[in-house]
Amino acid sequence: MPASAATAEAAEAAEAAEAAGATVGPPIHTGPIRRIVAGSLLTGGSLAAALTVVVFSGAPEHVITGSALLGFAAGWALLAALSARMTSQPQRWTWVPAAGLAATGLGLLIVAPGNPGLTAAGWVWPPVLLALAVWMGVRIRCALAAGSGRWLLYPVVVVIAAAAVGGAVETVGLASDDPGSAMPGQAYDVGGHRLHLDCTGSGGPTVVLFNGLQATSANWACIAPAVARSARVCAYDRTGQGWSEDAPQPHDGDQAAADLHTLLERAGEEGPYVLVGHSIGGDHAMTYAARYPEQVAGMVLLDATDPYCVGGGPPSAMAVLPSLARLGVGRLLPASAWSALPEPAAGQVRMFNASPRGLRNVRDEVATMPALLRQARALTTLGATPLVVLTAAGHEADPAWLAAQERMAALSTNSAHRYADAGHAALLDEERGAASSVQAVEDVVRAVRAGTPLL
């Protein structure tokens, strides 16, 4: 009979004997092992959280993932060491997950694979992790007596197995996604990386659309075609977004403005432009206007983020988003959860935003947001340039937000502050909100052409 089975039988015999008031052989100490199991799991989870959210917050994806694995490895190693030293149920099998997680974590930190390397590894680690989960489930059953903390370990095994399945789904999904085949427009080299630009329609002034946070040029699918009926309109993706390439480092507002200026020149687009920004895209538009005032014919701010607030650091939990995306978390949601846009735009939005790369871009843009807001504040006046500020529904009870919207409207002596009967995201992807946004753009274009005040 295996030693583990004998141990389990001994524990059951001891419990029965204890209930009958007798003592049979050396007792099985279930209390300490339960506390050790709980403490080891808590320690591993706490270490992983501290390393990823505090110590290495904002680090590259391989650092976040590798440090999390090292934290979990420490928890399994602690269980192996303490159970052997302090109980009659040594859990030496836990050295296997401890060693495997530690080796993988150190490998990620040393090799430092980029996005392609991490994606390629997705064909290897999910089946290995699933096999490990099955083996761990068997070992728990054999090595831990009933009442010794199995119920604490089984959910962990289920989570590990789910992570393996999710990782396989994400890897297959990334392989099946083919953004290049559906890319509208063209990509242009702006100095070491290429940015995507899609211009349609004709007639000046050309309208340039600035994406918000966790958005791409695909999010303008309801706006761009409507504006293109009367004017030339260009949607583009900042570095790391959509069909654009990554830059070596995250870009703040000034760097993004310089990229866009080069992009429009390389594409042969002529200014001055009507700048249209949604959410933090409004702050990017303001930064561009401050840097290139001669290139601004008009501006539309669609519920733009308050540039006058004192921005703190990024939420530290953002650091783990790309790593979580490797587990297929984003693909659990349907395309409609990411956007109310019609297809194929809704599918494109999910393809970009639910991917590790898309969530890495969100993390990077949040990290550079304090600099962006400071740079947007450099725009102190637009003179008499036509300006429409459109505030989304839902902000009526926020005095600070409304004050910021009024302050942005005061940048021009030829401005209008309007209130939309639609929410923040709905200004782009729902019919009523998109209609309000299109009307604002058309009014500014008309005022620029006629040289008249806004109605």
Protein backbone atom coordinates (compact mmCIF):
# COMPACT_ATOMS: atom_id res chain seq x y z
CA MET A 1 0.00 0.00 0.00
CA PRO A 2 1.41 3.47 -0.86
CA ALA A 3 2.58 5.55 2.09
CA SER A 4 0.13 8.34 1.23
CA ALA A 5 -2.82 5.94 1.28
CA ALA A 6 -1.63 4.45 4.55
CA THR A 7 -1.42 7.94 6.01
CA ALA A 8 -4.98 8.70 4.94
CA GLU A 9 -6.23 5.42 6.44
CA ALA A 10 -4.34 6.10 9.64
CA ALA A 11 -5.97 9.51 9.90
CA GLU A 12 -9.44 8.05 9.43
CA ALA A 13 -8.71 5.33 12.01
CA ALA A 14 -7.46 7.94 14.42
CA GLU A 15 -10.58 10.03 13.98
CA ALA A 16 -12.81 6.99 14.57
CA ALA A 17 -10.81 5.96 17.60
CA GLU A 18 -10.88 9.46 19.00
CA ALA A 19 -14.66 9.54 18.62
CA ALA A 20 -14.83 6.26 20.59
CA GLY A 21 -12.56 7.62 23.28
CA ALA A 22 -9.55 5.48 22.36
CA THR A 23 -6.05 6.26 21.18
CA VAL A 24 -4.69 4.34 18.21
CA GLY A 25 -1.09 5.02 17.12
CA PRO A 26 0.46 8.46 16.67
CA PRO A 27 -2.13 11.19 15.94
CA ILE A 28 -2.41 12.91 12.57
CA HIS A 29 -2.05 16.63 13.16
CA THR A 30 -4.73 18.05 10.85
CA GLY A 31 -4.97 21.44 12.55
CA PRO A 32 -1.41 22.58 11.74
CA ILE A 33 -1.59 21.32 8.14
CA ARG A 34 -4.80 23.23 7.51
CA ARG A 35 -3.24 26.39 8.85
CA ILE A 36 -0.08 25.79 6.83
CA VAL A 37 -2.06 25.21 3.62
CA ALA A 38 -4.10 28.39 4.18
CA GLY A 39 -1.06 30.44 5.15
CA SER A 40 1.02 29.22 2.22
CA LEU A 41 -1.71 30.00 -0.29
CA LEU A 42 -2.23 33.44 1.25
CA THR A 43 1.51 34.10 1.22
CA GLY A 44 1.88 33.10 -2.42
CA GLY A 45 -1.07 35.20 -3.53
CA SER A 46 0.07 38.20 -1.49
CA LEU A 47 3.60 38.01 -2.84
CA ALA A 48 2.34 37.77 -6.43
CA ALA A 49 0.06 40.78 -5.89
CA ALA A 50 2.76 42.83 -4.21
CA LEU A 51 5.34 42.12 -6.91
CA THR A 52 3.03 42.88 -9.82
CA VAL A 53 0.98 45.75 -8.41
CA VAL A 54 3.55 47.50 -6.20
CA VAL A 55 7.16 46.52 -6.88
CA PHE A 56 7.03 46.16 -10.68
CA SER A 57 3.93 48.23 -11.44
CA GLY A 58 4.09 49.53 -15.01
CA ALA A 59 6.86 47.11 -15.99
CA PRO A 60 6.78 45.19 -19.31
CA GLU A 61 4.45 42.24 -19.57
CA HIS A 62 7.16 39.60 -19.20
CA VAL A 63 8.27 41.20 -15.91
CA ILE A 64 4.74 41.29 -14.54
CA THR A 65 4.06 37.68 -15.50
CA GLY A 66 7.44 36.43 -14.34
CA SER A 67 7.22 38.17 -10.96
CA ALA A 68 3.70 36.82 -10.39
CA LEU A 69 4.92 33.27 -11.06
CA LEU A 70 7.77 33.74 -8.59
CA GLY A 71 5.30 34.86 -5.94
CA PHE A 72 3.10 31.81 -6.47
CA ALA A 73 6.19 29.56 -6.50
CA ALA A 74 7.16 30.89 -3.07
CA GLY A 75 3.77 29.89 -1.71
CA TRP A 76 4.08 26.29 -2.93
CA ALA A 77 7.65 26.06 -1.62
CA LEU A 78 6.51 27.32 1.77
CA LEU A 79 3.84 24.62 1.90
CA ALA A 80 6.38 21.92 1.12
CA ALA A 81 8.89 23.12 3.72
CA LEU A 82 6.52 23.82 6.60
CA SER A 83 4.41 20.70 6.15
CA ALA A 84 7.54 18.51 6.28
CA ARG A 85 8.91 20.29 9.34
CA MET A 86 5.79 20.83 11.42
CA THR A 87 3.25 18.09 10.55
CA SER A 88 2.96 14.35 10.06
CA GLN A 89 1.66 14.96 6.51
CA PRO A 90 4.62 16.30 4.48
CA GLN A 91 3.50 17.68 1.13
CA ARG A 92 6.76 17.14 -0.76
CA TRP A 93 4.91 17.01 -4.10
CA THR A 94 4.41 20.78 -3.90
CA TRP A 95 8.09 21.20 -4.72
CA VAL A 96 7.11 20.31 -8.32
CA PRO A 97 4.78 23.30 -8.94
CA ALA A 98 7.15 25.48 -6.92
CA ALA A 99 10.11 24.54 -9.12
CA GLY A 100 8.12 24.76 -12.35
CA LEU A 101 6.67 28.19 -11.60
CA ALA A 102 10.01 29.53 -10.35
CA ALA A 103 11.90 28.29 -13.41
CA THR A 104 9.32 29.78 -15.76
CA GLY A 105 9.23 33.08 -13.90
CA LEU A 106 13.02 33.41 -13.89
CA GLY A 107 13.11 32.46 -17.56
CA LEU A 108 10.71 35.27 -18.42
CA LEU A 109 12.78 37.78 -16.46
CA ILE A 110 16.07 36.66 -18.03
CA VAL A 111 15.00 36.07 -21.63
CA ALA A 112 12.62 39.07 -21.67
CA PRO A 113 10.45 37.96 -24.60
CA GLY A 114 8.42 40.59 -26.40
CA ASN A 115 4.82 40.32 -27.55
CA PRO A 116 5.62 37.88 -30.42
CA GLY A 117 7.61 35.62 -28.09
CA LEU A 118 4.87 35.57 -25.46
CA THR A 119 2.28 34.82 -28.12
CA ALA A 120 4.38 31.95 -29.51
CA ALA A 121 4.80 30.54 -26.00
CA GLY A 122 1.02 30.26 -25.85
CA TRP A 123 1.25 27.08 -27.92
CA VAL A 124 3.36 25.44 -25.19
CA TRP A 125 2.39 26.51 -21.69
CA PRO A 126 -1.40 25.85 -21.70
CA PRO A 127 -1.18 22.06 -22.26
CA VAL A 128 1.73 21.80 -19.81
CA LEU A 129 -0.20 23.77 -17.19
CA LEU A 130 -3.33 21.67 -17.72
CA ALA A 131 -1.33 18.46 -17.23
CA LEU A 132 0.18 19.93 -14.06
CA ALA A 133 -3.29 20.79 -12.74
CA VAL A 134 -4.53 17.24 -13.27
CA TRP A 135 -1.43 15.79 -11.58
CA MET A 136 -1.81 18.18 -8.64
CA GLY A 137 -5.42 17.14 -8.16
CA VAL A 138 -4.36 13.50 -7.91
CA ARG A 139 -1.54 14.27 -5.50
CA ILE A 140 -3.81 16.30 -3.21
CA ARG A 141 -6.17 13.36 -2.95
CA CYS A 142 -3.35 10.97 -2.11
CA ALA A 143 -1.18 13.12 0.15
CA LEU A 144 -3.73 14.99 2.27
CA ALA A 145 -6.02 13.22 4.70
CA ALA A 146 -9.67 14.11 4.83
CA GLY A 147 -10.19 17.28 6.85
CA SER A 148 -6.60 18.42 6.31
CA GLY A 149 -7.28 21.31 3.95
CA ARG A 150 -8.13 19.68 0.65
CA TRP A 151 -11.01 22.11 0.20
CA LEU A 152 -8.49 24.95 0.14
CA LEU A 153 -6.36 23.39 -2.59
CA TYR A 154 -8.98 22.01 -4.95
CA PRO A 155 -10.28 25.48 -5.99
CA VAL A 156 -6.69 26.50 -6.73
CA VAL A 157 -6.32 23.51 -9.03
CA VAL A 158 -9.58 24.44 -10.78
CA VAL A 159 -8.30 28.00 -11.33
CA ILE A 160 -5.02 26.65 -12.75
CA ALA A 161 -6.91 24.38 -15.14
CA ALA A 162 -9.19 27.25 -16.19
CA ALA A 163 -6.14 29.43 -16.84
CA ALA A 164 -4.69 26.71 -19.06
CA VAL A 165 -7.91 26.39 -21.07
CA GLY A 166 -8.25 30.17 -21.33
CA GLY A 167 -4.66 30.50 -22.47
CA ALA A 168 -5.24 27.96 -25.23
CA VAL A 169 -8.39 29.78 -26.36
CA GLU A 170 -6.53 33.12 -26.42
CA THR A 171 -3.63 31.66 -28.41
CA VAL A 172 -5.95 30.17 -31.02
CA GLY A 173 -7.92 33.41 -31.14
CA LEU A 174 -4.82 35.52 -31.70
CA ALA A 175 -3.77 33.18 -34.50
CA SER A 176 -7.17 33.43 -36.18
CA ASP A 177 -7.33 37.23 -35.91
CA ASP A 178 -6.02 38.84 -39.08
CA PRO A 179 -6.20 42.62 -38.67
CA GLY A 180 -4.01 43.24 -41.70
CA SER A 181 -6.51 41.77 -44.12
CA ALA A 182 -9.20 44.25 -43.05
CA MET A 183 -7.07 47.38 -42.63
CA PRO A 184 -8.58 50.40 -44.35
CA GLY A 185 -6.30 53.18 -45.50
CA GLN A 186 -2.52 52.92 -45.31
CA ALA A 187 0.37 52.82 -42.85
CA TYR A 188 3.17 55.40 -43.02
CA ASP A 189 6.62 55.47 -41.44
CA VAL A 190 6.83 58.37 -38.99
CA GLY A 191 10.35 57.64 -37.79
CA GLY A 192 11.08 54.12 -36.59
CA HIS A 193 7.49 52.92 -36.50
CA ARG A 194 4.48 53.02 -38.79
CA LEU A 195 1.13 54.64 -38.05
CA HIS A 196 -2.19 53.81 -39.65
CA LEU A 197 -4.24 56.53 -41.37
CA ASP A 198 -7.57 56.17 -43.15
CA CYS A 199 -8.86 59.23 -45.02
CA THR A 200 -12.14 59.35 -46.96
CA GLY A 201 -14.36 61.98 -48.53
CA SER A 202 -13.37 65.28 -50.05
CA GLY A 203 -13.66 68.98 -49.36
CA GLY A 204 -11.87 71.15 -46.87
CA PRO A 205 -11.15 71.69 -44.12
CA THR A 206 -9.99 68.12 -43.46
CA VAL A 207 -11.34 66.66 -40.23
CA VAL A 208 -8.89 64.65 -38.07
CA LEU A 209 -10.31 62.24 -35.47
CA PHE A 210 -8.51 61.56 -32.16
CA ASN A 211 -9.24 58.28 -30.36
CA GLY A 212 -10.08 58.05 -26.69
CA LEU A 213 -8.65 55.60 -24.16
CA GLN A 214 -8.96 51.93 -25.21
CA ALA A 215 -10.22 53.02 -28.61
CA THR A 216 -8.98 52.74 -32.19
CA SER A 217 -9.87 54.18 -35.56
CA ALA A 218 -12.53 51.45 -35.81
CA ASN A 219 -14.50 53.21 -33.05
CA TRP A 220 -15.32 56.04 -35.51
CA ALA A 221 -17.30 53.70 -37.80
CA CYS A 222 -20.53 55.66 -37.25
CA ILE A 223 -18.91 59.11 -37.40
CA ALA A 224 -16.38 59.03 -40.24
CA PRO A 225 -18.73 57.90 -43.06
CA ALA A 226 -21.32 60.51 -42.09
CA VAL A 227 -18.75 63.34 -42.02
CA ALA A 228 -17.20 62.09 -45.28
CA ARG A 229 -20.42 62.95 -47.13
CA SER A 230 -19.54 66.63 -46.88
CA ALA A 231 -15.83 66.86 -45.98
CA ARG A 232 -12.59 64.94 -46.02
CA VAL A 233 -12.12 63.04 -42.76
CA CYS A 234 -9.11 61.12 -41.42
CA ALA A 235 -9.14 58.51 -38.66
CA TYR A 236 -5.82 57.28 -37.34
CA ASP A 237 -4.33 55.10 -34.62
CA ARG A 238 -1.75 56.34 -32.17
CA THR A 239 1.30 54.22 -31.56
CA GLY A 240 0.36 50.87 -30.03
CA GLN A 241 -3.27 51.20 -31.10
CA GLY A 242 -5.20 49.32 -33.74
CA TRP A 243 -3.36 48.97 -37.03
CA SER A 244 -0.41 51.17 -35.95
CA GLU A 245 2.89 49.72 -34.80
CA ASP A 246 4.34 49.94 -31.31
CA ALA A 247 6.99 52.49 -30.50
CA PRO A 248 10.04 51.59 -28.36
CA GLN A 249 8.56 53.58 -25.45
CA PRO A 250 5.05 54.83 -24.58
CA HIS A 251 4.33 58.27 -26.02
CA ASP A 252 2.96 61.25 -24.14
CA GLY A 253 0.83 63.97 -25.73
CA ASP A 254 3.71 65.94 -27.24
CA GLN A 255 5.25 62.84 -28.82
CA ALA A 256 1.86 61.73 -30.15
CA ALA A 257 1.31 65.19 -31.63
CA ALA A 258 4.70 65.08 -33.36
CA ASP A 259 3.86 61.63 -34.73
CA LEU A 260 0.53 62.86 -36.11
CA HIS A 261 2.11 65.94 -37.68
CA THR A 262 4.62 63.74 -39.50
CA LEU A 263 1.90 61.25 -40.46
CA LEU A 264 -0.29 63.88 -42.09
CA GLU A 265 2.70 65.31 -43.97
CA ARG A 266 3.81 61.88 -45.22
CA ALA A 267 0.26 61.12 -46.35
CA GLY A 268 0.01 64.40 -48.27
CA GLU A 269 -2.92 65.73 -46.24
CA GLU A 270 -3.16 69.51 -46.18
CA GLY A 271 -4.17 71.66 -43.24
CA PRO A 272 -5.35 73.54 -41.38
CA TYR A 273 -7.57 70.86 -39.86
CA VAL A 274 -10.69 70.54 -37.79
CA LEU A 275 -9.56 68.51 -34.77
CA VAL A 276 -12.17 66.19 -33.23
CA GLY A 277 -11.30 64.38 -29.99
CA HIS A 278 -13.33 62.01 -27.84
CA SER A 279 -12.48 61.46 -24.16
CA ILE A 280 -8.66 61.69 -23.78
CA GLY A 281 -8.60 62.17 -27.55
CA GLY A 282 -9.84 65.68 -26.76
CA ASP A 283 -6.73 66.27 -24.68
CA HIS A 284 -4.59 64.96 -27.53
CA ALA A 285 -6.36 67.40 -29.85
CA MET A 286 -5.69 70.26 -27.43
CA THR A 287 -2.02 69.27 -27.19
CA TYR A 288 -1.75 69.20 -30.98
CA ALA A 289 -3.37 72.64 -31.18
CA ALA A 290 -0.96 74.06 -28.60
CA ARG A 291 2.02 72.66 -30.50
CA TYR A 292 0.85 73.44 -34.04
CA PRO A 293 -1.60 76.38 -33.76
CA GLU A 294 -1.25 77.25 -37.44
CA GLN A 295 -2.63 73.80 -38.31
CA VAL A 296 -5.95 74.33 -36.49
CA ALA A 297 -9.02 75.58 -38.37
CA GLY A 298 -11.59 74.37 -35.85
CA MET A 299 -12.11 71.96 -32.94
CA VAL A 300 -14.75 69.64 -31.54
CA LEU A 301 -14.34 68.19 -28.04
CA LEU A 302 -16.62 65.19 -27.44
CA ASP A 303 -16.89 64.83 -23.67
CA ALA A 304 -13.17 65.44 -23.40
CA THR A 305 -11.32 64.40 -20.25
CA ASP A 306 -10.81 67.26 -17.82
CA PRO A 307 -7.28 68.56 -18.52
CA TYR A 308 -7.37 70.92 -15.54
CA CYS A 309 -7.52 68.23 -12.87
CA VAL A 310 -4.40 67.23 -10.99
CA GLY A 311 -3.72 63.77 -12.37
CA GLY A 312 -2.11 61.24 -10.08
CA GLY A 313 -0.23 58.11 -11.03
CA PRO A 314 -1.83 55.28 -12.95
CA PRO A 315 -3.98 52.72 -11.11
CA SER A 316 -1.46 50.06 -10.20
CA ALA A 317 -3.87 47.24 -11.09
CA MET A 318 -3.45 48.29 -14.74
CA ALA A 319 -0.07 46.56 -14.70
CA VAL A 320 -1.61 43.08 -14.77
CA LEU A 321 -4.07 43.68 -17.64
CA PRO A 322 -1.86 42.36 -20.49
CA SER A 323 -0.98 39.25 -18.49
CA LEU A 324 -4.65 38.59 -17.70
CA ALA A 325 -5.47 38.94 -21.39
CA ARG A 326 -3.16 35.96 -22.08
CA LEU A 327 -5.69 33.88 -20.12
CA GLY A 328 -8.47 34.68 -22.59
CA VAL A 329 -10.38 36.89 -20.16
CA GLY A 330 -11.32 39.40 -22.86
CA ARG A 331 -12.74 36.72 -25.14
CA LEU A 332 -15.28 35.70 -22.52
CA LEU A 333 -17.28 38.77 -23.50
CA PRO A 334 -19.18 39.08 -26.79
CA ALA A 335 -18.33 41.85 -29.24
CA SER A 336 -21.43 43.76 -28.13
CA ALA A 337 -19.92 44.11 -24.64
CA TRP A 338 -16.98 46.03 -26.10
CA SER A 339 -18.94 48.24 -28.46
CA ALA A 340 -22.45 48.94 -29.72
CA LEU A 341 -21.07 49.52 -33.21
CA PRO A 342 -22.34 47.45 -36.13
CA GLU A 343 -20.20 44.73 -37.63
CA PRO A 344 -17.47 44.55 -38.78
CA ALA A 345 -16.45 47.50 -36.60
CA ALA A 346 -17.61 45.85 -33.36
CA GLY A 347 -15.50 42.77 -34.09
CA GLN A 348 -12.49 44.95 -34.91
CA VAL A 349 -12.89 46.85 -31.64
CA ARG A 350 -12.92 43.60 -29.65
CA MET A 351 -10.04 42.15 -31.66
CA PHE A 352 -7.82 45.08 -30.73
CA ASN A 353 -9.06 46.00 -27.26
CA ALA A 354 -9.35 42.51 -25.75
CA SER A 355 -5.88 41.44 -26.86
CA PRO A 356 -2.75 41.61 -24.68
CA ARG A 357 -1.41 44.31 -26.97
CA GLY A 358 -4.59 46.37 -26.69
CA LEU A 359 -4.64 46.19 -22.91
CA ARG A 360 -0.93 46.99 -22.81
CA ASN A 361 -1.73 50.15 -24.76
CA VAL A 362 -4.41 51.06 -22.18
CA ARG A 363 -1.88 50.57 -19.38
CA ASP A 364 0.71 52.71 -21.17
CA GLU A 365 -1.72 55.51 -22.00
CA VAL A 366 -2.98 55.64 -18.43
CA ALA A 367 0.63 55.85 -17.26
CA THR A 368 1.32 58.84 -19.54
CA MET A 369 -1.99 60.57 -18.77
CA PRO A 370 -0.62 63.00 -16.15
CA ALA A 371 1.86 64.28 -18.76
CA LEU A 372 -0.87 64.44 -21.42
CA LEU A 373 -3.18 66.52 -19.22
CA ARG A 374 -0.35 68.89 -18.35
CA GLN A 375 0.52 69.30 -22.04
CA ALA A 376 -3.13 69.89 -22.97
CA ARG A 377 -3.24 72.76 -20.48
CA ALA A 378 -0.64 74.52 -22.61
CA LEU A 379 -3.52 75.46 -24.91
CA THR A 380 -4.77 78.70 -23.35
CA THR A 381 -6.66 80.22 -26.27
CA LEU A 382 -7.98 79.43 -29.72
CA GLY A 383 -8.82 83.03 -30.51
CA ALA A 384 -11.95 83.06 -32.66
CA THR A 385 -11.45 79.52 -34.00
CA PRO A 386 -14.81 77.70 -34.20
CA LEU A 387 -15.15 75.32 -31.24
CA VAL A 388 -17.95 73.03 -30.09
CA VAL A 389 -17.78 71.32 -26.69
CA LEU A 390 -20.25 68.45 -26.44
CA THR A 391 -20.89 67.10 -22.94
CA ALA A 392 -22.34 63.62 -22.54
CA ALA A 393 -25.37 62.77 -20.45
CA GLY A 394 -24.63 61.49 -16.97
CA HIS A 395 -22.29 64.30 -15.94
CA GLU A 396 -24.99 66.74 -14.83
CA ALA A 397 -24.33 65.92 -11.17
CA ASP A 398 -20.56 66.44 -11.44
CA PRO A 399 -19.81 70.13 -10.89
CA ALA A 400 -16.07 69.67 -11.49
CA TRP A 401 -16.66 67.99 -14.85
CA LEU A 402 -19.15 70.64 -15.96
CA ALA A 403 -16.79 73.41 -14.87
CA ALA A 404 -13.99 71.87 -16.93
CA GLN A 405 -16.27 71.61 -19.97
CA GLU A 406 -17.20 75.28 -19.62
CA ARG A 407 -13.55 76.21 -19.24
CA MET A 408 -12.69 74.35 -22.45
CA ALA A 409 -15.56 76.11 -24.25
CA ALA A 410 -14.09 79.44 -23.12
CA LEU A 411 -10.89 78.74 -25.07
CA SER A 412 -12.52 80.37 -28.10
CA THR A 413 -14.63 83.49 -28.51
CA ASN A 414 -16.51 81.59 -31.23
CA SER A 415 -17.69 78.52 -29.31
CA ALA A 416 -20.78 76.58 -28.30
CA HIS A 417 -21.23 74.30 -25.30
CA ARG A 418 -23.86 71.66 -25.98
CA TYR A 419 -25.33 68.78 -23.99
CA ALA A 420 -25.96 65.44 -25.66
CA ASP A 421 -28.81 63.09 -24.82
CA ALA A 422 -26.36 60.17 -24.85
CA GLY A 423 -23.64 58.72 -22.64
CA HIS A 424 -19.89 59.01 -22.97
CA ALA A 425 -19.29 55.97 -25.21
CA ALA A 426 -22.62 56.45 -26.98
CA LEU A 427 -21.33 59.69 -28.54
CA LEU A 428 -19.48 57.40 -30.96
CA ASP A 429 -21.22 54.06 -31.15
CA GLU A 430 -24.97 54.64 -30.72
CA GLU A 431 -27.23 56.27 -33.28
CA ARG A 432 -28.50 59.19 -31.20
CA GLY A 433 -25.11 60.05 -29.70
CA ALA A 434 -23.30 59.68 -33.03
CA ALA A 435 -25.83 62.00 -34.67
CA SER A 436 -25.07 64.70 -32.06
CA SER A 437 -21.35 64.28 -32.66
CA VAL A 438 -21.71 64.45 -36.44
CA GLN A 439 -23.85 67.58 -36.14
CA ALA A 440 -21.18 69.27 -34.02
CA VAL A 441 -18.47 68.42 -36.57
CA GLU A 442 -20.57 69.60 -39.51
CA ASP A 443 -21.37 72.88 -37.74
CA VAL A 444 -17.70 73.60 -37.15
CA VAL A 445 -16.78 72.69 -40.76
CA ARG A 446 -19.55 74.97 -42.02
CA ALA A 447 -18.39 77.86 -39.81
CA VAL A 448 -14.80 77.44 -41.01
CA ARG A 449 -15.85 77.46 -44.65
CA ALA A 450 -18.10 80.46 -44.33
CA GLY A 451 -15.95 82.36 -41.87
CA THR A 452 -19.05 83.01 -39.75
CA PRO A 453 -19.85 82.52 -36.06
CA LEU A 454 -21.26 79.23 -34.87
CA LEU A 455 -25.02 79.05 -34.64
